[in-house]
Amino acid sequence: MNRASSGLYPPGSVFKIITFATALLEGVPSETSYYCRGKFDYGARTFKCWKKEGHGRLDLQGGFINSCNVYFYNLGLRLGAGKILNTARNFNLGQKTNADVKSEKSGYIPSEKDFEKILRERSLGGESINLAIGQGTILVTPLQMAQMAAAIGARGKVMKPIIADSAFYADEDFSAGSKSVKAGG
């Protein structure tokens, strides 16, 4: 199995790029700040930040640079799941990339209607909070995440990935004497 195109995984913190992009698209002011004390209480649940002692007060840029879970929990609640999921779909997540690979899977980014159904069925709450940091109900392939990263570099243009079967270096000194490296070996 080609895990890059067929493995389905929750994207985790790299999905914060989608939440951050949604904030920019929705006009969230860059000075919007939240305080991280290492955890976030929501109803009867406590969601933790990766930094146990917390980050303190962070603005939008600081929340992103520090990959602060608590900042993104708050941002996710502010934006709402629908807007974040829409941005994810606009970056082609949950859809096949159409790269020239065998047995590519599409992943799963729920529609707003499906997400609302999930919210009704789960009594603990916090699905929107989990979504903001790439956990919960979403599944993507590593190839989709690479395509998303490339789209960020291309100012939002989502392109079909091209899978190389070999790589070579023009500068022999750079490659430590090797002019080509075959993929997979």
N, C-alpha and C. Protein backbone atom coordinates (compact mmCIF):
# COMPACT_ATOMS: atom_id res chain seq x y z
N MET A 1 0.85 -1.19 0.00
CA MET A 1 0.00 0.00 0.00
C MET A 1 0.89 1.25 0.00
N ASN A 2 0.56 2.19 -0.82
CA ASN A 2 1.27 3.47 -0.85
C ASN A 2 0.61 4.38 0.20
N ARG A 3 1.27 4.53 1.34
CA ARG A 3 0.68 5.30 2.44
C ARG A 3 0.53 6.78 2.09
N ALA A 4 1.37 7.29 1.21
CA ALA A 4 1.29 8.71 0.85
C ALA A 4 -0.03 9.04 0.16
N SER A 5 -0.54 8.10 -0.63
CA SER A 5 -1.77 8.37 -1.37
C SER A 5 -2.97 7.58 -0.86
N SER A 6 -2.74 6.53 -0.08
CA SER A 6 -3.84 5.68 0.38
C SER A 6 -4.02 5.64 1.88
N GLY A 7 -3.03 6.09 2.64
CA GLY A 7 -3.17 6.10 4.09
C GLY A 7 -4.02 7.27 4.54
N LEU A 8 -5.01 7.01 5.37
CA LEU A 8 -5.90 8.06 5.86
C LEU A 8 -5.60 8.34 7.33
N TYR A 9 -5.31 9.60 7.63
CA TYR A 9 -4.88 9.99 8.97
C TYR A 9 -5.51 11.32 9.36
N PRO A 10 -5.76 11.53 10.68
CA PRO A 10 -6.08 12.89 11.12
C PRO A 10 -4.83 13.75 10.87
N PRO A 11 -4.97 14.93 10.29
CA PRO A 11 -3.78 15.70 9.92
C PRO A 11 -3.00 16.27 11.10
N GLY A 12 -3.62 16.46 12.24
CA GLY A 12 -2.92 17.02 13.39
C GLY A 12 -2.58 18.49 13.19
N SER A 13 -1.50 18.92 13.82
CA SER A 13 -1.17 20.35 13.88
C SER A 13 -0.93 21.01 12.53
N VAL A 14 -0.55 20.25 11.52
CA VAL A 14 -0.36 20.87 10.20
C VAL A 14 -1.68 21.45 9.68
N PHE A 15 -2.80 20.95 10.19
CA PHE A 15 -4.12 21.48 9.81
C PHE A 15 -4.34 22.89 10.35
N LYS A 16 -3.54 23.30 11.33
CA LYS A 16 -3.65 24.66 11.85
C LYS A 16 -3.42 25.68 10.73
N ILE A 17 -2.72 25.28 9.68
CA ILE A 17 -2.56 26.15 8.50
C ILE A 17 -3.92 26.48 7.91
N ILE A 18 -4.80 25.50 7.86
CA ILE A 18 -6.15 25.71 7.33
C ILE A 18 -6.94 26.64 8.24
N THR A 19 -6.86 26.41 9.55
CA THR A 19 -7.57 27.27 10.50
C THR A 19 -7.03 28.70 10.42
N PHE A 20 -5.72 28.84 10.32
CA PHE A 20 -5.08 30.15 10.19
C PHE A 20 -5.52 30.83 8.89
N ALA A 21 -5.52 30.09 7.78
CA ALA A 21 -5.96 30.65 6.49
C ALA A 21 -7.41 31.10 6.58
N THR A 22 -8.25 30.32 7.26
CA THR A 22 -9.66 30.70 7.43
C THR A 22 -9.75 32.02 8.19
N ALA A 23 -8.94 32.16 9.24
CA ALA A 23 -8.94 33.41 10.01
C ALA A 23 -8.56 34.60 9.12
N LEU A 24 -7.55 34.43 8.29
CA LEU A 24 -7.15 35.51 7.38
C LEU A 24 -8.25 35.83 6.37
N LEU A 25 -8.86 34.79 5.81
CA LEU A 25 -9.94 34.98 4.84
C LEU A 25 -11.16 35.66 5.46
N GLU A 26 -11.40 35.38 6.73
CA GLU A 26 -12.56 35.95 7.43
C GLU A 26 -12.26 37.31 8.05
N GLY A 27 -11.04 37.80 7.89
CA GLY A 27 -10.70 39.12 8.39
C GLY A 27 -10.49 39.22 9.89
N VAL A 28 -10.10 38.13 10.52
CA VAL A 28 -9.80 38.18 11.95
C VAL A 28 -8.61 39.12 12.14
N PRO A 29 -8.75 40.15 12.97
CA PRO A 29 -7.64 41.10 13.16
C PRO A 29 -6.39 40.42 13.72
N SER A 30 -5.23 40.82 13.22
CA SER A 30 -3.98 40.20 13.64
C SER A 30 -3.71 40.39 15.13
N GLU A 31 -4.27 41.42 15.73
CA GLU A 31 -4.05 41.66 17.16
C GLU A 31 -4.99 40.84 18.05
N THR A 32 -5.86 40.02 17.46
CA THR A 32 -6.75 39.18 18.26
C THR A 32 -5.90 38.28 19.15
N SER A 33 -6.09 38.39 20.46
CA SER A 33 -5.24 37.64 21.38
C SER A 33 -6.06 36.74 22.29
N TYR A 34 -5.41 35.66 22.68
CA TYR A 34 -5.97 34.72 23.65
C TYR A 34 -4.84 34.35 24.60
N TYR A 35 -5.22 33.97 25.81
CA TYR A 35 -4.24 33.62 26.83
C TYR A 35 -4.18 32.10 26.96
N CYS A 36 -2.99 31.55 26.85
CA CYS A 36 -2.78 30.11 27.01
C CYS A 36 -2.16 29.84 28.37
N ARG A 37 -2.84 29.06 29.17
CA ARG A 37 -2.30 28.64 30.47
C ARG A 37 -1.97 27.15 30.45
N GLY A 38 -1.89 26.59 29.25
CA GLY A 38 -1.54 25.18 29.10
C GLY A 38 -2.73 24.26 28.97
N LYS A 39 -3.92 24.81 29.17
CA LYS A 39 -5.14 24.01 29.02
C LYS A 39 -6.32 24.93 28.72
N PHE A 40 -7.40 24.33 28.23
CA PHE A 40 -8.58 25.07 27.84
C PHE A 40 -9.79 24.29 28.32
N ASP A 41 -10.59 24.90 29.19
CA ASP A 41 -11.79 24.26 29.70
C ASP A 41 -12.97 24.61 28.82
N TYR A 42 -13.70 23.58 28.43
CA TYR A 42 -14.90 23.76 27.60
C TYR A 42 -15.97 22.82 28.13
N GLY A 43 -16.96 23.38 28.76
CA GLY A 43 -17.97 22.54 29.40
C GLY A 43 -17.31 21.70 30.47
N ALA A 44 -17.57 20.41 30.44
CA ALA A 44 -17.00 19.49 31.42
C ALA A 44 -15.65 18.92 30.97
N ARG A 45 -15.17 19.36 29.81
CA ARG A 45 -13.93 18.81 29.27
C ARG A 45 -12.78 19.80 29.38
N THR A 46 -11.59 19.26 29.46
CA THR A 46 -10.37 20.06 29.45
C THR A 46 -9.52 19.61 28.27
N PHE A 47 -9.14 20.57 27.43
CA PHE A 47 -8.29 20.32 26.27
C PHE A 47 -6.92 20.90 26.57
N LYS A 48 -5.89 20.15 26.30
CA LYS A 48 -4.54 20.57 26.67
C LYS A 48 -3.79 21.18 25.50
N CYS A 49 -2.86 22.06 25.85
CA CYS A 49 -1.91 22.59 24.90
C CYS A 49 -0.69 21.66 24.94
N TRP A 50 0.07 21.67 23.88
CA TRP A 50 1.29 20.86 23.88
C TRP A 50 2.32 21.39 24.87
N LYS A 51 2.24 22.69 25.18
CA LYS A 51 3.17 23.30 26.13
C LYS A 51 2.49 23.35 27.49
N LYS A 52 2.83 22.41 28.34
CA LYS A 52 2.15 22.21 29.62
C LYS A 52 2.04 23.48 30.45
N GLU A 53 3.11 24.29 30.50
CA GLU A 53 3.09 25.51 31.31
C GLU A 53 2.38 26.67 30.61
N GLY A 54 2.00 26.48 29.37
CA GLY A 54 1.28 27.51 28.62
C GLY A 54 2.21 28.47 27.91
N HIS A 55 1.64 29.22 26.99
CA HIS A 55 2.38 30.20 26.20
C HIS A 55 2.18 31.63 26.68
N GLY A 56 1.19 31.85 27.53
CA GLY A 56 0.85 33.22 27.91
C GLY A 56 -0.04 33.83 26.85
N ARG A 57 -0.05 35.16 26.77
CA ARG A 57 -0.91 35.86 25.81
C ARG A 57 -0.23 35.87 24.44
N LEU A 58 -1.00 35.47 23.43
CA LEU A 58 -0.52 35.42 22.05
C LEU A 58 -1.50 36.10 21.12
N ASP A 59 -0.97 36.80 20.10
CA ASP A 59 -1.83 37.33 19.04
C ASP A 59 -1.89 36.29 17.92
N LEU A 60 -2.52 36.63 16.80
CA LEU A 60 -2.72 35.69 15.70
C LEU A 60 -1.39 35.13 15.20
N GLN A 61 -0.43 35.99 14.95
CA GLN A 61 0.87 35.54 14.46
C GLN A 61 1.57 34.67 15.51
N GLY A 62 1.55 35.10 16.77
CA GLY A 62 2.18 34.33 17.84
C GLY A 62 1.54 32.98 18.03
N GLY A 63 0.22 32.92 17.92
CA GLY A 63 -0.48 31.64 18.03
C GLY A 63 -0.05 30.67 16.96
N PHE A 64 0.14 31.21 15.74
CA PHE A 64 0.56 30.38 14.62
C PHE A 64 2.03 29.96 14.76
N ILE A 65 2.90 30.92 15.04
CA ILE A 65 4.33 30.63 15.16
C ILE A 65 4.60 29.59 16.25
N ASN A 66 3.88 29.70 17.36
CA ASN A 66 4.07 28.78 18.48
C ASN A 66 3.22 27.52 18.38
N SER A 67 2.39 27.44 17.35
CA SER A 67 1.49 26.30 17.17
C SER A 67 0.72 26.00 18.46
N CYS A 68 0.22 27.06 19.09
CA CYS A 68 -0.44 26.96 20.39
C CYS A 68 -1.85 26.36 20.23
N ASN A 69 -2.04 25.19 20.82
CA ASN A 69 -3.36 24.55 20.74
C ASN A 69 -4.45 25.43 21.33
N VAL A 70 -4.20 26.03 22.48
CA VAL A 70 -5.22 26.84 23.15
C VAL A 70 -5.62 28.02 22.26
N TYR A 71 -4.66 28.65 21.60
CA TYR A 71 -5.00 29.73 20.69
C TYR A 71 -5.93 29.22 19.59
N PHE A 72 -5.60 28.07 19.03
CA PHE A 72 -6.41 27.53 17.94
C PHE A 72 -7.76 27.00 18.41
N TYR A 73 -7.86 26.51 19.66
CA TYR A 73 -9.17 26.14 20.19
C TYR A 73 -10.09 27.36 20.17
N ASN A 74 -9.59 28.47 20.69
CA ASN A 74 -10.37 29.71 20.71
C ASN A 74 -10.70 30.19 19.30
N LEU A 75 -9.71 30.14 18.43
CA LEU A 75 -9.91 30.58 17.05
C LEU A 75 -10.96 29.71 16.35
N GLY A 76 -10.89 28.41 16.59
CA GLY A 76 -11.87 27.49 16.00
C GLY A 76 -13.28 27.78 16.46
N LEU A 77 -13.45 28.08 17.74
CA LEU A 77 -14.78 28.43 18.25
C LEU A 77 -15.26 29.74 17.64
N ARG A 78 -14.36 30.69 17.47
CA ARG A 78 -14.72 31.98 16.89
C ARG A 78 -15.16 31.84 15.43
N LEU A 79 -14.41 31.05 14.67
CA LEU A 79 -14.67 30.91 13.23
C LEU A 79 -15.85 29.99 12.94
N GLY A 80 -15.98 28.94 13.72
CA GLY A 80 -17.01 27.93 13.47
C GLY A 80 -16.52 26.86 12.51
N ALA A 81 -17.02 25.67 12.71
CA ALA A 81 -16.59 24.53 11.92
C ALA A 81 -16.88 24.69 10.43
N GLY A 82 -18.03 25.26 10.11
CA GLY A 82 -18.42 25.38 8.70
C GLY A 82 -17.40 26.14 7.86
N LYS A 83 -16.90 27.24 8.37
CA LYS A 83 -15.93 28.05 7.62
C LYS A 83 -14.60 27.32 7.50
N ILE A 84 -14.18 26.66 8.57
CA ILE A 84 -12.92 25.91 8.53
C ILE A 84 -13.02 24.75 7.54
N LEU A 85 -14.11 24.01 7.59
CA LEU A 85 -14.31 22.89 6.67
C LEU A 85 -14.36 23.37 5.22
N ASN A 86 -14.98 24.51 4.98
CA ASN A 86 -15.04 25.07 3.62
C ASN A 86 -13.64 25.41 3.11
N THR A 87 -12.82 26.02 3.97
CA THR A 87 -11.44 26.32 3.57
C THR A 87 -10.68 25.03 3.26
N ALA A 88 -10.88 24.01 4.09
CA ALA A 88 -10.22 22.73 3.86
C ALA A 88 -10.59 22.16 2.49
N ARG A 89 -11.87 22.22 2.16
CA ARG A 89 -12.32 21.72 0.84
C ARG A 89 -11.73 22.57 -0.29
N ASN A 90 -11.63 23.89 -0.07
CA ASN A 90 -11.04 24.76 -1.10
C ASN A 90 -9.56 24.46 -1.34
N PHE A 91 -8.89 23.89 -0.35
CA PHE A 91 -7.51 23.45 -0.51
C PHE A 91 -7.43 21.99 -0.97
N ASN A 92 -8.56 21.45 -1.39
CA ASN A 92 -8.66 20.10 -1.97
C ASN A 92 -8.51 18.98 -0.94
N LEU A 93 -8.59 19.28 0.34
CA LEU A 93 -8.54 18.21 1.33
C LEU A 93 -9.83 17.41 1.28
N GLY A 94 -9.71 16.10 1.48
CA GLY A 94 -10.87 15.22 1.41
C GLY A 94 -11.24 14.86 -0.01
N GLN A 95 -10.40 15.20 -0.96
CA GLN A 95 -10.63 14.90 -2.37
C GLN A 95 -9.35 14.30 -2.95
N LYS A 96 -9.50 13.46 -3.96
CA LYS A 96 -8.32 12.91 -4.60
C LYS A 96 -7.51 14.03 -5.25
N THR A 97 -6.19 13.89 -5.24
CA THR A 97 -5.32 14.90 -5.84
C THR A 97 -5.19 14.72 -7.35
N ASN A 98 -5.58 13.54 -7.85
CA ASN A 98 -5.44 13.15 -9.25
C ASN A 98 -3.99 13.02 -9.69
N ALA A 99 -3.11 12.79 -8.73
CA ALA A 99 -1.71 12.50 -9.06
C ALA A 99 -1.66 11.13 -9.74
N ASP A 100 -0.62 10.90 -10.48
CA ASP A 100 -0.47 9.64 -11.19
C ASP A 100 0.01 8.54 -10.25
N VAL A 101 -0.87 8.10 -9.37
CA VAL A 101 -0.58 7.03 -8.42
C VAL A 101 -1.74 6.04 -8.44
N LYS A 102 -1.45 4.81 -8.07
CA LYS A 102 -2.49 3.79 -8.01
C LYS A 102 -3.22 3.86 -6.67
N SER A 103 -4.46 3.54 -6.68
CA SER A 103 -5.31 3.39 -5.49
C SER A 103 -5.27 4.59 -4.55
N GLU A 104 -5.46 5.76 -5.09
CA GLU A 104 -5.51 6.96 -4.25
C GLU A 104 -6.86 7.03 -3.54
N LYS A 105 -6.83 7.37 -2.26
CA LYS A 105 -8.06 7.55 -1.49
C LYS A 105 -8.35 9.04 -1.33
N SER A 106 -9.63 9.34 -1.13
CA SER A 106 -10.03 10.74 -1.08
C SER A 106 -9.98 11.35 0.32
N GLY A 107 -10.02 10.54 1.36
CA GLY A 107 -10.06 11.11 2.70
C GLY A 107 -11.47 11.51 3.08
N TYR A 108 -11.60 12.29 4.15
CA TYR A 108 -12.93 12.68 4.61
C TYR A 108 -12.89 14.05 5.28
N ILE A 109 -13.54 14.99 4.65
CA ILE A 109 -13.82 16.30 5.22
C ILE A 109 -15.35 16.39 5.22
N PRO A 110 -15.99 16.33 6.38
CA PRO A 110 -17.45 16.30 6.40
C PRO A 110 -18.08 17.58 5.87
N SER A 111 -19.25 17.41 5.27
CA SER A 111 -20.03 18.58 4.89
C SER A 111 -20.52 19.25 6.17
N GLU A 112 -21.00 20.48 6.05
CA GLU A 112 -21.55 21.15 7.25
C GLU A 112 -22.70 20.34 7.84
N LYS A 113 -23.54 19.78 6.96
CA LYS A 113 -24.68 18.99 7.40
C LYS A 113 -24.21 17.75 8.17
N ASP A 114 -23.21 17.05 7.62
CA ASP A 114 -22.67 15.87 8.30
C ASP A 114 -22.03 16.26 9.63
N PHE A 115 -21.33 17.40 9.66
CA PHE A 115 -20.68 17.84 10.89
C PHE A 115 -21.72 18.16 11.95
N GLU A 116 -22.81 18.79 11.57
CA GLU A 116 -23.88 19.09 12.53
C GLU A 116 -24.49 17.80 13.08
N LYS A 117 -24.61 16.78 12.24
CA LYS A 117 -25.12 15.47 12.69
C LYS A 117 -24.15 14.86 13.70
N ILE A 118 -22.85 14.96 13.43
CA ILE A 118 -21.83 14.45 14.35
C ILE A 118 -21.96 15.16 15.69
N LEU A 119 -22.15 16.48 15.66
CA LEU A 119 -22.29 17.25 16.90
C LEU A 119 -23.49 16.79 17.72
N ARG A 120 -24.60 16.49 17.03
CA ARG A 120 -25.81 16.04 17.73
C ARG A 120 -25.61 14.65 18.35
N GLU A 121 -24.86 13.78 17.66
CA GLU A 121 -24.69 12.41 18.12
C GLU A 121 -23.69 12.29 19.26
N ARG A 122 -22.76 13.19 19.36
CA ARG A 122 -21.73 13.12 20.40
C ARG A 122 -22.08 14.08 21.52
N SER A 123 -22.27 13.54 22.69
CA SER A 123 -22.74 14.36 23.80
C SER A 123 -21.63 15.12 24.52
N LEU A 124 -20.37 14.76 24.31
CA LEU A 124 -19.29 15.40 25.06
C LEU A 124 -18.97 16.81 24.56
N GLY A 125 -19.25 17.11 23.32
CA GLY A 125 -18.90 18.41 22.76
C GLY A 125 -17.43 18.50 22.43
N GLY A 126 -17.02 19.64 21.93
CA GLY A 126 -15.62 19.86 21.63
C GLY A 126 -15.19 19.47 20.24
N GLU A 127 -16.10 19.06 19.38
CA GLU A 127 -15.72 18.66 18.02
C GLU A 127 -15.12 19.83 17.25
N SER A 128 -15.68 21.02 17.40
CA SER A 128 -15.14 22.19 16.70
C SER A 128 -13.75 22.53 17.22
N ILE A 129 -13.53 22.30 18.51
CA ILE A 129 -12.23 22.54 19.11
C ILE A 129 -11.20 21.57 18.54
N ASN A 130 -11.56 20.30 18.48
CA ASN A 130 -10.67 19.30 17.90
C ASN A 130 -10.39 19.60 16.43
N LEU A 131 -11.41 20.00 15.70
CA LEU A 131 -11.25 20.30 14.28
C LEU A 131 -10.20 21.37 14.06
N ALA A 132 -10.19 22.39 14.88
CA ALA A 132 -9.27 23.53 14.70
C ALA A 132 -7.80 23.12 14.75
N ILE A 133 -7.49 21.99 15.41
CA ILE A 133 -6.10 21.52 15.48
C ILE A 133 -5.90 20.22 14.69
N GLY A 134 -6.84 19.92 13.81
CA GLY A 134 -6.66 18.77 12.91
C GLY A 134 -6.93 17.42 13.52
N GLN A 135 -7.77 17.37 14.55
CA GLN A 135 -8.14 16.11 15.18
C GLN A 135 -9.64 15.89 15.00
N GLY A 136 -10.10 14.72 15.39
CA GLY A 136 -11.53 14.46 15.33
C GLY A 136 -11.94 13.73 14.08
N THR A 137 -12.94 14.27 13.40
CA THR A 137 -13.61 13.54 12.32
C THR A 137 -12.95 13.63 10.95
N ILE A 138 -11.93 14.43 10.79
CA ILE A 138 -11.33 14.61 9.46
C ILE A 138 -10.20 13.61 9.22
N LEU A 139 -10.11 13.16 7.97
CA LEU A 139 -9.06 12.24 7.54
C LEU A 139 -8.50 12.71 6.20
N VAL A 140 -7.20 12.71 6.09
CA VAL A 140 -6.53 13.13 4.86
C VAL A 140 -5.38 12.18 4.56
N THR A 141 -4.88 12.26 3.34
CA THR A 141 -3.68 11.51 2.99
C THR A 141 -2.47 12.44 3.11
N PRO A 142 -1.30 11.88 3.32
CA PRO A 142 -0.10 12.73 3.31
C PRO A 142 0.07 13.48 1.99
N LEU A 143 -0.32 12.88 0.89
CA LEU A 143 -0.22 13.55 -0.41
C LEU A 143 -1.12 14.79 -0.47
N GLN A 144 -2.31 14.70 0.12
CA GLN A 144 -3.19 15.87 0.18
C GLN A 144 -2.57 16.99 1.00
N MET A 145 -1.91 16.63 2.10
CA MET A 145 -1.28 17.66 2.93
C MET A 145 -0.09 18.29 2.19
N ALA A 146 0.63 17.51 1.41
CA ALA A 146 1.72 18.06 0.60
C ALA A 146 1.14 19.00 -0.46
N GLN A 147 0.02 18.62 -1.05
CA GLN A 147 -0.64 19.47 -2.04
C GLN A 147 -1.09 20.78 -1.40
N MET A 148 -1.61 20.70 -0.17
CA MET A 148 -2.03 21.91 0.54
C MET A 148 -0.84 22.82 0.80
N ALA A 149 0.29 22.25 1.24
CA ALA A 149 1.48 23.04 1.51
C ALA A 149 1.98 23.71 0.23
N ALA A 150 1.93 23.00 -0.87
CA ALA A 150 2.33 23.57 -2.16
C ALA A 150 1.40 24.71 -2.55
N ALA A 151 0.12 24.56 -2.27
CA ALA A 151 -0.85 25.62 -2.59
C ALA A 151 -0.57 26.88 -1.78
N ILE A 152 -0.15 26.72 -0.53
CA ILE A 152 0.23 27.88 0.28
C ILE A 152 1.39 28.60 -0.40
N GLY A 153 2.38 27.84 -0.83
CA GLY A 153 3.54 28.42 -1.52
C GLY A 153 3.19 29.05 -2.85
N ALA A 154 2.09 28.59 -3.45
CA ALA A 154 1.65 29.11 -4.75
C ALA A 154 0.53 30.14 -4.59
N ARG A 155 0.47 30.76 -3.40
CA ARG A 155 -0.53 31.80 -3.10
C ARG A 155 -1.97 31.33 -3.29
N GLY A 156 -2.22 30.08 -2.90
CA GLY A 156 -3.59 29.56 -2.90
C GLY A 156 -3.97 28.74 -4.11
N LYS A 157 -3.12 28.65 -5.10
CA LYS A 157 -3.43 27.86 -6.30
C LYS A 157 -3.14 26.39 -6.02
N VAL A 158 -4.18 25.56 -6.08
CA VAL A 158 -4.04 24.13 -5.85
C VAL A 158 -3.66 23.48 -7.18
N MET A 159 -2.52 22.79 -7.16
CA MET A 159 -2.03 22.16 -8.39
C MET A 159 -1.98 20.65 -8.24
N LYS A 160 -2.06 19.96 -9.36
CA LYS A 160 -1.94 18.50 -9.38
C LYS A 160 -0.50 18.13 -9.04
N PRO A 161 -0.31 17.27 -8.04
CA PRO A 161 1.06 16.85 -7.71
C PRO A 161 1.68 16.01 -8.84
N ILE A 162 2.96 16.19 -9.01
CA ILE A 162 3.71 15.37 -9.96
C ILE A 162 4.63 14.49 -9.13
N ILE A 163 4.54 13.20 -9.34
CA ILE A 163 5.34 12.24 -8.59
C ILE A 163 6.59 11.91 -9.39
N ALA A 164 7.75 12.24 -8.83
CA ALA A 164 9.02 11.96 -9.50
C ALA A 164 9.47 10.54 -9.19
N ASP A 165 10.08 9.89 -10.19
CA ASP A 165 10.61 8.56 -9.94
C ASP A 165 12.12 8.59 -9.68
N SER A 166 12.72 9.77 -9.84
CA SER A 166 14.14 9.92 -9.51
C SER A 166 14.45 11.39 -9.30
N ALA A 167 15.59 11.64 -8.70
CA ALA A 167 16.04 13.01 -8.48
C ALA A 167 17.52 13.07 -8.81
N PHE A 168 17.99 14.22 -9.27
CA PHE A 168 19.41 14.37 -9.54
C PHE A 168 19.84 15.77 -9.16
N TYR A 169 21.11 15.92 -8.96
CA TYR A 169 21.68 17.20 -8.57
C TYR A 169 22.63 17.67 -9.66
N ALA A 170 22.52 18.93 -10.04
CA ALA A 170 23.40 19.48 -11.07
C ALA A 170 24.80 19.72 -10.54
N ASP A 171 24.92 19.96 -9.24
CA ASP A 171 26.21 20.28 -8.63
C ASP A 171 26.75 19.04 -7.91
N GLU A 172 27.83 18.46 -8.46
CA GLU A 172 28.38 17.24 -7.89
C GLU A 172 28.83 17.43 -6.44
N ASP A 173 29.37 18.60 -6.09
CA ASP A 173 29.81 18.85 -4.72
C ASP A 173 28.64 18.81 -3.74
N PHE A 174 27.49 19.33 -4.15
CA PHE A 174 26.31 19.36 -3.28
C PHE A 174 25.83 17.95 -2.95
N SER A 175 25.94 17.05 -3.91
CA SER A 175 25.40 15.71 -3.72
C SER A 175 26.43 14.73 -3.18
N ALA A 176 27.55 15.23 -2.73
CA ALA A 176 28.61 14.39 -2.15
C ALA A 176 29.06 13.30 -3.13
N GLY A 177 29.18 13.68 -4.42
CA GLY A 177 29.70 12.75 -5.42
C GLY A 177 28.65 11.96 -6.15
N SER A 178 27.40 12.00 -5.72
CA SER A 178 26.35 11.25 -6.38
C SER A 178 25.57 12.17 -7.29
N LYS A 179 25.46 11.79 -8.57
CA LYS A 179 24.73 12.63 -9.52
C LYS A 179 23.24 12.35 -9.51
N SER A 180 22.83 11.19 -9.10
CA SER A 180 21.39 10.89 -9.05
C SER A 180 21.07 9.99 -7.88
N VAL A 181 19.86 10.09 -7.44
CA VAL A 181 19.36 9.27 -6.34
C VAL A 181 18.03 8.70 -6.79
N LYS A 182 17.92 7.41 -6.87
CA LYS A 182 16.66 6.78 -7.26
C LYS A 182 15.68 6.80 -6.10
N ALA A 183 14.44 7.11 -6.39
CA ALA A 183 13.41 7.10 -5.34
C ALA A 183 13.24 5.70 -4.80
N GLY A 184 13.06 5.62 -3.52
CA GLY A 184 12.84 4.33 -2.87
C GLY A 184 14.11 3.54 -2.65
N GLY A 185 15.24 4.09 -2.92
CA GLY A 185 16.43 3.29 -2.70
C GLY A 185 17.61 4.12 -2.56
